[in-house]
């Protein structure tokens, strides 16, 4: 029979990895959490990431620092996380470009979208909003379609970069409406918004989070939301699908970490985000921003990634979208 000492040593050995990973995430001022946003400050993903930093810092016992790294539709920031330490101190807020669309748009990526990341949690579904500059005469989706059919290619649409969710949402709109617009890519919703409000570009299908405030202020006009049905919080904004049946192009926001993060750390990060998503403050703020909080397990997120990858691959093939 094993001795008491041997049993205790065995238990300590089994517990050591979990204790070590917990300790690695709980040293305020020593092991900060780098929270990478692969887009410029001011965009939807950036706004959402910043909503979590304070509560996440308390939950993990370590400071959380936002690191904006825009470029290549999220690929540059994603690469910086893929190549970082797999100890839970580097996390990434993702949109579909990181794993679901960029592999089909770029001839090569600096990382492997399938194998270089660990899924943590699906945070939310973020609708895109179809907006136009007030100088555009269209006041509805149908009027915009009619205008573009009468004047093909006369309007420019902005995006947060080639292959970004805003780019592909607009490409899907073009395909389903049978219209032409010229793509003008930017390095995030923030820079795109500046030119959109100035009228240097006239149309966008971009993050509801980033677009709703300029709409409220009258700087932009909202024509439609990318969800299948109207959102109950914003009943006056029609769904694009009311004019183009079947149109749906909401952005998924989720958290990933480098491949190889130990499971105890994955579970701790997942639990921390799930707990924060359940707080009334976050749920209210998400509602204000037009987002649907989700949450769930890492396994559920992986299933979503697989399904959405197949969907957007087909959209890219049908639209002919490419990185120029």
C-alpha atoms as a PDB file:
ATOM      1  CA  UNK A   1       0.000   0.000   0.000  1.00  0.00           C
ATOM      2  CA  UNK A   2       1.343   3.495  -0.728  1.00  0.00           C
ATOM      3  CA  UNK A   3       2.592   5.345   2.292  1.00  0.00           C
ATOM      4  CA  UNK A   4       0.868   8.523   3.510  1.00  0.00           C
ATOM      5  CA  UNK A   5       3.973  10.503   2.497  1.00  0.00           C
ATOM      6  CA  UNK A   6       3.884   9.071  -1.050  1.00  0.00           C
ATOM      7  CA  UNK A   7       0.200   9.922  -1.415  1.00  0.00           C
ATOM      8  CA  UNK A   8       0.780  13.491  -0.266  1.00  0.00           C
ATOM      9  CA  UNK A   9       3.712  13.913  -2.639  1.00  0.00           C
ATOM     10  CA  UNK A  10       1.614  12.559  -5.516  1.00  0.00           C
ATOM     11  CA  UNK A  11      -1.251  14.949  -4.778  1.00  0.00           C
ATOM     12  CA  UNK A  12       1.153  17.878  -4.586  1.00  0.00           C
ATOM     13  CA  UNK A  13       2.645  16.922  -7.932  1.00  0.00           C
ATOM     14  CA  UNK A  14      -0.789  16.797  -9.589  1.00  0.00           C
ATOM     15  CA  UNK A  15      -1.810  20.143  -8.080  1.00  0.00           C
ATOM     16  CA  UNK A  16       1.402  21.956  -8.979  1.00  0.00           C
ATOM     17  CA  UNK A  17       0.476  22.945 -12.578  1.00  0.00           C
ATOM     18  CA  UNK A  18      -2.876  24.397 -11.505  1.00  0.00           C
ATOM     19  CA  UNK A  19      -1.293  26.285  -8.606  1.00  0.00           C
ATOM     20  CA  UNK A  20       1.491  27.575 -10.837  1.00  0.00           C
ATOM     21  CA  UNK A  21      -0.897  28.849 -13.506  1.00  0.00           C
ATOM     22  CA  UNK A  22      -3.129  30.481 -10.887  1.00  0.00           C
ATOM     23  CA  UNK A  23      -0.096  32.167  -9.355  1.00  0.00           C
ATOM     24  CA  UNK A  24       1.045  33.354 -12.801  1.00  0.00           C
ATOM     25  CA  UNK A  25      -2.202  35.321 -13.191  1.00  0.00           C
ATOM     26  CA  UNK A  26      -2.300  36.776  -9.685  1.00  0.00           C
ATOM     27  CA  UNK A  27       0.656  39.066  -9.219  1.00  0.00           C
ATOM     28  CA  UNK A  28      -0.530  42.689  -9.462  1.00  0.00           C
ATOM     29  CA  UNK A  29       2.186  44.868 -10.933  1.00  0.00           C
ATOM     30  CA  UNK A  30       4.354  41.833 -11.727  1.00  0.00           C
ATOM     31  CA  UNK A  31       2.473  39.837 -14.368  1.00  0.00           C
ATOM     32  CA  UNK A  32       0.111  42.215 -16.172  1.00  0.00           C
ATOM     33  CA  UNK A  33      -2.447  40.830 -18.613  1.00  0.00           C
ATOM     34  CA  UNK A  34      -1.883  42.170 -22.143  1.00  0.00           C
ATOM     35  CA  UNK A  35      -5.304  42.513 -23.777  1.00  0.00           C
ATOM     36  CA  UNK A  36      -4.640  42.954 -27.501  1.00  0.00           C
ATOM     37  CA  UNK A  37      -7.170  44.794 -29.665  1.00  0.00           C
ATOM     38  CA  UNK A  38      -6.157  44.202 -33.301  1.00  0.00           C
ATOM     39  CA  UNK A  39      -7.807  47.443 -34.445  1.00  0.00           C
ATOM     40  CA  UNK A  40      -7.358  51.163 -33.869  1.00  0.00           C
ATOM     41  CA  UNK A  41      -8.760  52.801 -30.746  1.00  0.00           C
ATOM     42  CA  UNK A  42     -12.373  53.938 -31.009  1.00  0.00           C
ATOM     43  CA  UNK A  43     -13.767  50.971 -32.933  1.00  0.00           C
ATOM     44  CA  UNK A  44     -16.334  48.444 -31.731  1.00  0.00           C
ATOM     45  CA  UNK A  45     -13.830  45.820 -30.556  1.00  0.00           C
ATOM     46  CA  UNK A  46     -11.804  48.464 -28.717  1.00  0.00           C
ATOM     47  CA  UNK A  47     -14.886  49.855 -26.954  1.00  0.00           C
ATOM     48  CA  UNK A  48     -15.941  46.379 -25.832  1.00  0.00           C
ATOM     49  CA  UNK A  49     -12.462  45.383 -24.622  1.00  0.00           C
ATOM     50  CA  UNK A  50     -12.259  48.495 -22.467  1.00  0.00           C
ATOM     51  CA  UNK A  51     -15.591  47.635 -20.822  1.00  0.00           C
ATOM     52  CA  UNK A  52     -13.953  44.523 -19.335  1.00  0.00           C
ATOM     53  CA  UNK A  53     -10.579  45.776 -18.142  1.00  0.00           C
ATOM     54  CA  UNK A  54     -11.499  46.898 -14.623  1.00  0.00           C
ATOM     55  CA  UNK A  55     -13.614  43.870 -13.688  1.00  0.00           C
ATOM     56  CA  UNK A  56     -11.164  41.497 -15.377  1.00  0.00           C
ATOM     57  CA  UNK A  57      -8.278  42.971 -13.403  1.00  0.00           C
ATOM     58  CA  UNK A  58     -10.151  42.369 -10.143  1.00  0.00           C
ATOM     59  CA  UNK A  59     -11.127  38.837 -11.139  1.00  0.00           C
ATOM     60  CA  UNK A  60      -7.619  37.805 -12.182  1.00  0.00           C
ATOM     61  CA  UNK A  61      -5.688  39.748  -9.566  1.00  0.00           C
ATOM     62  CA  UNK A  62      -3.480  41.440 -12.135  1.00  0.00           C
ATOM     63  CA  UNK A  63      -3.510  44.718 -14.072  1.00  0.00           C
ATOM     64  CA  UNK A  64      -5.068  44.486 -17.545  1.00  0.00           C
ATOM     65  CA  UNK A  65      -3.482  46.670 -20.217  1.00  0.00           C
ATOM     66  CA  UNK A  66      -5.099  47.359 -23.605  1.00  0.00           C
ATOM     67  CA  UNK A  67      -2.646  47.040 -26.522  1.00  0.00           C
ATOM     68  CA  UNK A  68      -4.028  48.360 -29.842  1.00  0.00           C
ATOM     69  CA  UNK A  69      -2.276  46.730 -32.810  1.00  0.00           C
ATOM     70  CA  UNK A  70      -4.204  47.483 -36.017  1.00  0.00           C
ATOM     71  CA  UNK A  71      -3.438  46.176 -39.482  1.00  0.00           C
ATOM     72  CA  UNK A  72      -4.335  43.445 -42.000  1.00  0.00           C
ATOM     73  CA  UNK A  73      -7.946  43.145 -40.779  1.00  0.00           C
ATOM     74  CA  UNK A  74      -6.798  42.098 -37.328  1.00  0.00           C
ATOM     75  CA  UNK A  75      -3.973  39.846 -38.477  1.00  0.00           C
ATOM     76  CA  UNK A  76      -1.083  41.911 -37.100  1.00  0.00           C
ATOM     77  CA  UNK A  77      -2.501  42.006 -33.589  1.00  0.00           C
ATOM     78  CA  UNK A  78      -3.469  38.348 -33.818  1.00  0.00           C
ATOM     79  CA  UNK A  79       0.062  37.430 -34.821  1.00  0.00           C
ATOM     80  CA  UNK A  80       1.510  39.268 -31.831  1.00  0.00           C
ATOM     81  CA  UNK A  81      -0.641  37.109 -29.549  1.00  0.00           C
ATOM     82  CA  UNK A  82      -0.024  33.876 -31.448  1.00  0.00           C
ATOM     83  CA  UNK A  83       3.707  34.326 -30.908  1.00  0.00           C
ATOM     84  CA  UNK A  84       3.485  35.404 -27.250  1.00  0.00           C
ATOM     85  CA  UNK A  85       3.816  33.412 -24.041  1.00  0.00           C
ATOM     86  CA  UNK A  86       1.064  30.811 -23.597  1.00  0.00           C
ATOM     87  CA  UNK A  87       0.631  31.458 -19.879  1.00  0.00           C
ATOM     88  CA  UNK A  88      -2.627  33.395 -19.815  1.00  0.00           C
ATOM     89  CA  UNK A  89      -1.028  36.832 -19.719  1.00  0.00           C
ATOM     90  CA  UNK A  90      -1.715  37.503 -23.422  1.00  0.00           C
ATOM     91  CA  UNK A  91      -5.293  37.536 -24.691  1.00  0.00           C
ATOM     92  CA  UNK A  92      -6.901  38.756 -27.910  1.00  0.00           C
ATOM     93  CA  UNK A  93     -10.333  40.146 -28.697  1.00  0.00           C
ATOM     94  CA  UNK A  94     -11.272  38.721 -32.085  1.00  0.00           C
ATOM     95  CA  UNK A  95     -13.660  39.485 -34.898  1.00  0.00           C
ATOM     96  CA  UNK A  96     -14.235  36.966 -37.720  1.00  0.00           C
ATOM     97  CA  UNK A  97     -11.246  38.203 -39.703  1.00  0.00           C
ATOM     98  CA  UNK A  98      -8.693  36.662 -37.359  1.00  0.00           C
ATOM     99  CA  UNK A  99      -9.636  33.027 -38.016  1.00  0.00           C
ATOM    100  CA  UNK A 100     -12.748  32.869 -40.210  1.00  0.00           C
ATOM    101  CA  UNK A 101     -12.089  35.120 -43.212  1.00  0.00           C
ATOM    102  CA  UNK A 102      -8.484  36.267 -43.495  1.00  0.00           C
ATOM    103  CA  UNK A 103      -7.224  32.800 -44.486  1.00  0.00           C
ATOM    104  CA  UNK A 104      -9.354  33.072 -47.655  1.00  0.00           C
ATOM    105  CA  UNK A 105      -8.464  36.686 -48.433  1.00  0.00           C
ATOM    106  CA  UNK A 106      -4.720  36.936 -47.893  1.00  0.00           C
ATOM    107  CA  UNK A 107      -2.241  34.872 -49.917  1.00  0.00           C
ATOM    108  CA  UNK A 108      -0.388  34.182 -46.687  1.00  0.00           C
ATOM    109  CA  UNK A 109      -0.757  34.980 -43.001  1.00  0.00           C
ATOM    110  CA  UNK A 110       2.001  35.187 -40.382  1.00  0.00           C
ATOM    111  CA  UNK A 111       0.104  32.662 -38.240  1.00  0.00           C
ATOM    112  CA  UNK A 112      -1.960  29.500 -38.680  1.00  0.00           C
ATOM    113  CA  UNK A 113      -5.608  30.388 -38.078  1.00  0.00           C
ATOM    114  CA  UNK A 114      -6.552  26.815 -37.178  1.00  0.00           C
ATOM    115  CA  UNK A 115      -3.736  25.833 -34.831  1.00  0.00           C
ATOM    116  CA  UNK A 116      -2.156  28.958 -33.308  1.00  0.00           C
ATOM    117  CA  UNK A 117      -4.954  29.970 -30.922  1.00  0.00           C
ATOM    118  CA  UNK A 118      -6.801  28.649 -27.894  1.00  0.00           C
ATOM    119  CA  UNK A 119     -10.533  29.520 -27.784  1.00  0.00           C
ATOM    120  CA  UNK A 120     -11.577  31.142 -24.494  1.00  0.00           C
ATOM    121  CA  UNK A 121     -15.118  32.518 -24.778  1.00  0.00           C
ATOM    122  CA  UNK A 122     -17.698  33.939 -27.190  1.00  0.00           C
ATOM    123  CA  UNK A 123     -18.408  37.394 -25.772  1.00  0.00           C
ATOM    124  CA  UNK A 124     -21.142  38.845 -27.920  1.00  0.00           C
ATOM    125  CA  UNK A 125     -22.788  39.300 -31.260  1.00  0.00           C
ATOM    126  CA  UNK A 126     -22.318  42.856 -32.469  1.00  0.00           C
ATOM    127  CA  UNK A 127     -24.646  43.988 -35.243  1.00  0.00           C
ATOM    128  CA  UNK A 128     -23.349  46.129 -38.043  1.00  0.00           C
ATOM    129  CA  UNK A 129     -25.239  49.271 -38.974  1.00  0.00           C
ATOM    130  CA  UNK A 130     -25.754  50.435 -42.556  1.00  0.00           C
ATOM    131  CA  UNK A 131     -25.186  54.191 -42.452  1.00  0.00           C
ATOM    132  CA  UNK A 132     -24.858  56.963 -45.010  1.00  0.00           C
ATOM    133  CA  UNK A 133     -23.605  60.525 -44.890  1.00  0.00           C
ATOM    134  CA  UNK A 134     -26.539  62.991 -44.739  1.00  0.00           C
ATOM    135  CA  UNK A 135     -25.602  64.283 -48.201  1.00  0.00           C
ATOM    136  CA  UNK A 136     -26.715  60.945 -49.675  1.00  0.00           C
ATOM    137  CA  UNK A 137     -30.402  61.372 -50.603  1.00  0.00           C
ATOM    138  CA  UNK A 138     -31.415  57.796 -49.663  1.00  0.00           C
ATOM    139  CA  UNK A 139     -33.473  57.518 -46.475  1.00  0.00           C
ATOM    140  CA  UNK A 140     -34.044  53.764 -46.566  1.00  0.00           C
ATOM    141  CA  UNK A 141     -32.311  50.597 -47.737  1.00  0.00           C
ATOM    142  CA  UNK A 142     -34.632  50.414 -50.740  1.00  0.00           C
ATOM    143  CA  UNK A 143     -33.847  54.017 -51.695  1.00  0.00           C
ATOM    144  CA  UNK A 144     -30.102  53.376 -51.383  1.00  0.00           C
ATOM    145  CA  UNK A 145     -30.389  50.319 -53.649  1.00  0.00           C
ATOM    146  CA  UNK A 146     -32.374  52.346 -56.193  1.00  0.00           C
ATOM    147  CA  UNK A 147     -29.844  55.189 -56.063  1.00  0.00           C
ATOM    148  CA  UNK A 148     -26.913  52.829 -56.622  1.00  0.00           C
ATOM    149  CA  UNK A 149     -28.655  51.076 -59.490  1.00  0.00           C
ATOM    150  CA  UNK A 150     -29.300  54.449 -61.124  1.00  0.00           C
ATOM    151  CA  UNK A 151     -25.717  55.604 -60.487  1.00  0.00           C
ATOM    152  CA  UNK A 152     -23.491  52.477 -60.335  1.00  0.00           C
ATOM    153  CA  UNK A 153     -20.215  53.006 -58.499  1.00  0.00           C
ATOM    154  CA  UNK A 154     -21.039  56.598 -57.567  1.00  0.00           C
ATOM    155  CA  UNK A 155     -20.644  56.028 -53.824  1.00  0.00           C
ATOM    156  CA  UNK A 156     -17.675  54.877 -51.744  1.00  0.00           C
ATOM    157  CA  UNK A 157     -17.969  52.623 -48.693  1.00  0.00           C
ATOM    158  CA  UNK A 158     -15.490  52.520 -45.837  1.00  0.00           C
ATOM    159  CA  UNK A 159     -14.318  49.479 -43.915  1.00  0.00           C
ATOM    160  CA  UNK A 160     -11.977  48.720 -41.044  1.00  0.00           C
ATOM    161  CA  UNK A 161      -9.616  47.086 -43.522  1.00  0.00           C
ATOM    162  CA  UNK A 162      -9.601  44.603 -46.400  1.00  0.00           C
ATOM    163  CA  UNK A 163     -11.294  41.418 -45.282  1.00  0.00           C
ATOM    164  CA  UNK A 164     -12.711  42.929 -42.096  1.00  0.00           C
ATOM    165  CA  UNK A 165     -16.264  42.214 -40.994  1.00  0.00           C
ATOM    166  CA  UNK A 166     -17.344  45.668 -42.181  1.00  0.00           C
ATOM    167  CA  UNK A 167     -15.784  45.009 -45.602  1.00  0.00           C
ATOM    168  CA  UNK A 168     -17.486  41.633 -46.020  1.00  0.00           C
ATOM    169  CA  UNK A 169     -20.814  42.923 -44.653  1.00  0.00           C
ATOM    170  CA  UNK A 170     -20.780  45.559 -47.410  1.00  0.00           C
ATOM    171  CA  UNK A 171     -19.702  43.022 -50.034  1.00  0.00           C
ATOM    172  CA  UNK A 172     -22.615  40.793 -49.019  1.00  0.00           C
ATOM    173  CA  UNK A 173     -24.910  43.810 -49.347  1.00  0.00           C
ATOM    174  CA  UNK A 174     -23.569  44.515 -52.849  1.00  0.00           C
ATOM    175  CA  UNK A 175     -24.063  40.916 -53.971  1.00  0.00           C
ATOM    176  CA  UNK A 176     -27.585  40.588 -52.579  1.00  0.00           C
ATOM    177  CA  UNK A 177     -28.697  44.040 -53.823  1.00  0.00           C
ATOM    178  CA  UNK A 178     -26.964  43.762 -57.191  1.00  0.00           C
ATOM    179  CA  UNK A 179     -25.211  47.129 -56.842  1.00  0.00           C
ATOM    180  CA  UNK A 180     -21.704  48.536 -57.088  1.00  0.00           C
ATOM    181  CA  UNK A 181     -19.778  50.708 -54.627  1.00  0.00           C
ATOM    182  CA  UNK A 182     -16.068  51.460 -54.320  1.00  0.00           C
ATOM    183  CA  UNK A 183     -14.255  50.044 -51.300  1.00  0.00           C
ATOM    184  CA  UNK A 184     -12.078  52.438 -49.251  1.00  0.00           C
ATOM    185  CA  UNK A 185     -10.287  50.527 -46.458  1.00  0.00           C
ATOM    186  CA  UNK A 186      -9.108  52.090 -43.181  1.00  0.00           C
ATOM    187  CA  UNK A 187      -7.173  50.840 -40.171  1.00  0.00           C
ATOM    188  CA  UNK A 188     -10.188  50.722 -37.853  1.00  0.00           C
ATOM    189  CA  UNK A 189     -13.651  52.160 -37.249  1.00  0.00           C
ATOM    190  CA  UNK A 190     -12.211  55.287 -35.639  1.00  0.00           C
ATOM    191  CA  UNK A 191     -10.301  56.566 -38.710  1.00  0.00           C
ATOM    192  CA  UNK A 192     -13.108  55.438 -41.020  1.00  0.00           C
ATOM    193  CA  UNK A 193     -15.666  57.310 -38.943  1.00  0.00           C
ATOM    194  CA  UNK A 194     -13.752  60.577 -39.263  1.00  0.00           C
ATOM    195  CA  UNK A 195     -13.865  60.456 -43.066  1.00  0.00           C
ATOM    196  CA  UNK A 196     -17.431  59.157 -43.079  1.00  0.00           C
ATOM    197  CA  UNK A 197     -18.710  62.084 -41.029  1.00  0.00           C
ATOM    198  CA  UNK A 198     -16.706  64.476 -43.203  1.00  0.00           C
ATOM    199  CA  UNK A 199     -18.311  63.036 -46.349  1.00  0.00           C
ATOM    200  CA  UNK A 200     -15.055  61.818 -47.876  1.00  0.00           C
ATOM    201  CA  UNK A 201     -16.725  58.392 -47.993  1.00  0.00           C
ATOM    202  CA  UNK A 202     -20.494  58.125 -48.079  1.00  0.00           C
ATOM    203  CA  UNK A 203     -21.531  54.626 -46.933  1.00  0.00           C
ATOM    204  CA  UNK A 204     -20.523  52.055 -44.326  1.00  0.00           C
ATOM    205  CA  UNK A 205     -21.814  48.773 -42.932  1.00  0.00           C
ATOM    206  CA  UNK A 206     -19.849  48.989 -39.726  1.00  0.00           C
ATOM    207  CA  UNK A 207     -19.997  48.283 -36.017  1.00  0.00           C
ATOM    208  CA  UNK A 208     -23.266  49.352 -34.347  1.00  0.00           C
ATOM    209  CA  UNK A 209     -21.186  50.260 -31.303  1.00  0.00           C
ATOM    210  CA  UNK A 210     -19.068  52.751 -33.228  1.00  0.00           C
ATOM    211  CA  UNK A 211     -21.836  54.107 -35.477  1.00  0.00           C
ATOM    212  CA  UNK A 212     -24.783  54.622 -33.138  1.00  0.00           C
ATOM    213  CA  UNK A 213     -23.532  57.783 -31.411  1.00  0.00           C
ATOM    214  CA  UNK A 214     -22.910  59.720 -34.671  1.00  0.00           C
ATOM    215  CA  UNK A 215     -26.380  58.586 -35.762  1.00  0.00           C
ATOM    216  CA  UNK A 216     -27.896  59.956 -32.554  1.00  0.00           C
ATOM    217  CA  UNK A 217     -26.069  63.232 -33.090  1.00  0.00           C
ATOM    218  CA  UNK A 218     -27.267  63.504 -36.687  1.00  0.00           C
ATOM    219  CA  UNK A 219     -23.790  63.231 -38.232  1.00  0.00           C
ATOM    220  CA  UNK A 220     -24.834  60.023 -40.018  1.00  0.00           C
ATOM    221  CA  UNK A 221     -28.141  58.490 -41.108  1.00  0.00           C
ATOM    222  CA  UNK A 222     -28.944  54.878 -40.166  1.00  0.00           C
ATOM    223  CA  UNK A 223     -30.725  52.905 -42.877  1.00  0.00           C
ATOM    224  CA  UNK A 224     -30.658  49.378 -41.497  1.00  0.00           C
ATOM    225  CA  UNK A 225     -29.232  46.896 -39.013  1.00  0.00           C
ATOM    226  CA  UNK A 226     -27.520  43.652 -40.015  1.00  0.00           C
ATOM    227  CA  UNK A 227     -29.535  41.306 -37.799  1.00  0.00           C
ATOM    228  CA  UNK A 228     -32.295  39.141 -39.292  1.00  0.00           C
ATOM    229  CA  UNK A 229     -34.943  41.106 -37.379  1.00  0.00           C
ATOM    230  CA  UNK A 230     -35.140  44.546 -35.789  1.00  0.00           C
ATOM    231  CA  UNK A 231     -33.609  44.865 -32.359  1.00  0.00           C
ATOM    232  CA  UNK A 232     -36.236  45.505 -29.663  1.00  0.00           C
ATOM    233  CA  UNK A 233     -34.022  48.202 -28.130  1.00  0.00           C
ATOM    234  CA  UNK A 234     -33.984  50.083 -31.452  1.00  0.00           C
ATOM    235  CA  UNK A 235     -37.362  49.382 -33.080  1.00  0.00           C
ATOM    236  CA  UNK A 236     -37.105  52.384 -35.425  1.00  0.00           C
ATOM    237  CA  UNK A 237     -34.071  50.947 -37.229  1.00  0.00           C
ATOM    238  CA  UNK A 238     -35.240  48.448 -39.872  1.00  0.00           C
ATOM    239  CA  UNK A 239     -33.406  45.194 -40.479  1.00  0.00           C
ATOM    240  CA  UNK A 240     -31.597  45.190 -43.822  1.00  0.00           C
ATOM    241  CA  UNK A 241     -33.232  41.785 -44.293  1.00  0.00           C
ATOM    242  CA  UNK A 242     -36.629  43.488 -44.566  1.00  0.00           C
ATOM    243  CA  UNK A 243     -35.463  44.727 -47.971  1.00  0.00           C
ATOM    244  CA  UNK A 244     -32.916  42.006 -48.775  1.00  0.00           C
ATOM    245  CA  UNK A 245     -34.424  38.783 -47.348  1.00  0.00           C
ATOM    246  CA  UNK A 246     -31.818  36.531 -45.777  1.00  0.00           C
ATOM    247  CA  UNK A 247     -29.244  39.258 -45.218  1.00  0.00           C
ATOM    248  CA  UNK A 248     -27.370  38.749 -41.922  1.00  0.00           C
ATOM    249  CA  UNK A 249     -23.915  40.067 -41.157  1.00  0.00           C
ATOM    250  CA  UNK A 250     -23.420  40.574 -37.463  1.00  0.00           C
ATOM    251  CA  UNK A 251     -19.902  40.522 -36.077  1.00  0.00           C
ATOM    252  CA  UNK A 252     -18.858  37.906 -33.561  1.00  0.00           C
ATOM    253  CA  UNK A 253     -16.660  39.126 -30.732  1.00  0.00           C
ATOM    254  CA  UNK A 254     -14.709  36.478 -28.878  1.00  0.00           C
ATOM    255  CA  UNK A 255     -11.585  35.971 -26.813  1.00  0.00           C
ATOM    256  CA  UNK A 256      -8.641  33.802 -27.821  1.00  0.00           C
ATOM    257  CA  UNK A 257      -5.202  33.148 -26.397  1.00  0.00           C
ATOM    258  CA  UNK A 258      -2.046  31.558 -27.834  1.00  0.00           C
ATOM    259  CA  UNK A 259      -2.066  27.834 -28.525  1.00  0.00           C
ATOM    260  CA  UNK A 260      -0.867  25.732 -25.629  1.00  0.00           C
ATOM    261  CA  UNK A 261      -2.360  27.697 -22.734  1.00  0.00           C
ATOM    262  CA  UNK A 262      -2.823  25.192 -19.868  1.00  0.00           C
ATOM    263  CA  UNK A 263      -6.424  24.106 -19.313  1.00  0.00           C
ATOM    264  CA  UNK A 264      -6.595  25.430 -15.721  1.00  0.00           C
ATOM    265  CA  UNK A 265      -5.741  28.897 -17.088  1.00  0.00           C
ATOM    266  CA  UNK A 266      -8.235  28.547 -19.951  1.00  0.00           C
ATOM    267  CA  UNK A 267     -10.958  27.651 -17.462  1.00  0.00           C
ATOM    268  CA  UNK A 268     -10.045  30.522 -15.154  1.00  0.00           C
ATOM    269  CA  UNK A 269     -10.142  33.056 -17.976  1.00  0.00           C
ATOM    270  CA  UNK A 270     -13.416  31.594 -19.257  1.00  0.00           C
ATOM    271  CA  UNK A 271     -14.990  31.753 -15.794  1.00  0.00           C
ATOM    272  CA  UNK A 272     -13.846  35.342 -15.263  1.00  0.00           C
ATOM    273  CA  UNK A 273     -15.377  36.543 -18.535  1.00  0.00           C
ATOM    274  CA  UNK A 274     -18.602  34.559 -17.957  1.00  0.00           C
ATOM    275  CA  UNK A 275     -18.977  36.088 -14.496  1.00  0.00           C
ATOM    276  CA  UNK A 276     -18.476  39.617 -15.851  1.00  0.00           C
ATOM    277  CA  UNK A 277     -20.980  39.011 -18.667  1.00  0.00           C
ATOM    278  CA  UNK A 278     -23.609  38.168 -16.053  1.00  0.00           C
ATOM    279  CA  UNK A 279     -23.250  41.463 -14.165  1.00  0.00           C
ATOM    280  CA  UNK A 280     -26.135  43.935 -14.615  1.00  0.00           C
ATOM    281  CA  UNK A 281     -23.758  46.762 -15.507  1.00  0.00           C
ATOM    282  CA  UNK A 282     -22.213  44.950 -18.464  1.00  0.00           C
ATOM    283  CA  UNK A 283     -25.548  43.626 -19.705  1.00  0.00           C
ATOM    284  CA  UNK A 284     -27.055  47.112 -19.583  1.00  0.00           C
ATOM    285  CA  UNK A 285     -24.075  48.602 -21.398  1.00  0.00           C
ATOM    286  CA  UNK A 286     -24.200  45.888 -24.052  1.00  0.00           C
ATOM    287  CA  UNK A 287     -27.881  46.612 -24.569  1.00  0.00           C
ATOM    288  CA  UNK A 288     -27.134  50.323 -25.002  1.00  0.00           C
ATOM    289  CA  UNK A 289     -24.528  49.452 -27.616  1.00  0.00           C
ATOM    290  CA  UNK A 290     -26.888  47.144 -29.495  1.00  0.00           C
ATOM    291  CA  UNK A 291     -24.969  43.987 -28.609  1.00  0.00           C
ATOM    292  CA  UNK A 292     -26.222  40.575 -27.549  1.00  0.00           C
ATOM    293  CA  UNK A 293     -24.112  39.070 -24.729  1.00  0.00           C
ATOM    294  CA  UNK A 294     -23.428  35.371 -25.181  1.00  0.00           C
ATOM    295  CA  UNK A 295     -20.772  33.641 -23.046  1.00  0.00           C
ATOM    296  CA  UNK A 296     -20.412  29.882 -22.791  1.00  0.00           C
ATOM    297  CA  UNK A 297     -17.616  27.350 -22.916  1.00  0.00           C
ATOM    298  CA  UNK A 298     -14.417  27.241 -24.992  1.00  0.00           C
ATOM    299  CA  UNK A 299     -15.841  24.175 -26.751  1.00  0.00           C
ATOM    300  CA  UNK A 300     -18.988  26.079 -27.766  1.00  0.00           C
ATOM    301  CA  UNK A 301     -16.821  28.867 -29.181  1.00  0.00           C
ATOM    302  CA  UNK A 302     -14.827  26.378 -31.252  1.00  0.00           C
ATOM    303  CA  UNK A 303     -18.040  25.067 -32.802  1.00  0.00           C
ATOM    304  CA  UNK A 304     -19.071  28.637 -33.703  1.00  0.00           C
ATOM    305  CA  UNK A 305     -15.688  29.307 -35.304  1.00  0.00           C
ATOM    306  CA  UNK A 306     -16.033  26.173 -37.441  1.00  0.00           C
ATOM    307  CA  UNK A 307     -19.570  27.023 -38.602  1.00  0.00           C
ATOM    308  CA  UNK A 308     -18.896  30.707 -39.297  1.00  0.00           C
ATOM    309  CA  UNK A 309     -15.696  29.918 -41.178  1.00  0.00           C
ATOM    310  CA  UNK A 310     -17.707  27.853 -43.673  1.00  0.00           C
ATOM    311  CA  UNK A 311     -20.300  30.650 -44.055  1.00  0.00           C
ATOM    312  CA  UNK A 312     -17.845  33.470 -44.711  1.00  0.00           C
ATOM    313  CA  UNK A 313     -15.702  31.380 -47.000  1.00  0.00           C
ATOM    314  CA  UNK A 314     -18.747  31.050 -49.260  1.00  0.00           C
ATOM    315  CA  UNK A 315     -19.510  34.795 -49.034  1.00  0.00           C
ATOM    316  CA  UNK A 316     -15.957  35.568 -50.126  1.00  0.00           C
ATOM    317  CA  UNK A 317     -16.238  33.164 -53.054  1.00  0.00           C
ATOM    318  CA  UNK A 318     -19.588  34.616 -54.178  1.00  0.00           C
ATOM    319  CA  UNK A 319     -18.578  38.263 -53.820  1.00  0.00           C
ATOM    320  CA  UNK A 320     -15.118  37.945 -55.275  1.00  0.00           C
ATOM    321  CA  UNK A 321     -13.830  39.982 -52.334  1.00  0.00           C
ATOM    322  CA  UNK A 322     -10.061  40.176 -52.190  1.00  0.00           C
ATOM    323  CA  UNK A 323      -7.248  42.043 -50.546  1.00  0.00           C
ATOM    324  CA  UNK A 324      -5.923  44.620 -52.974  1.00  0.00           C
END
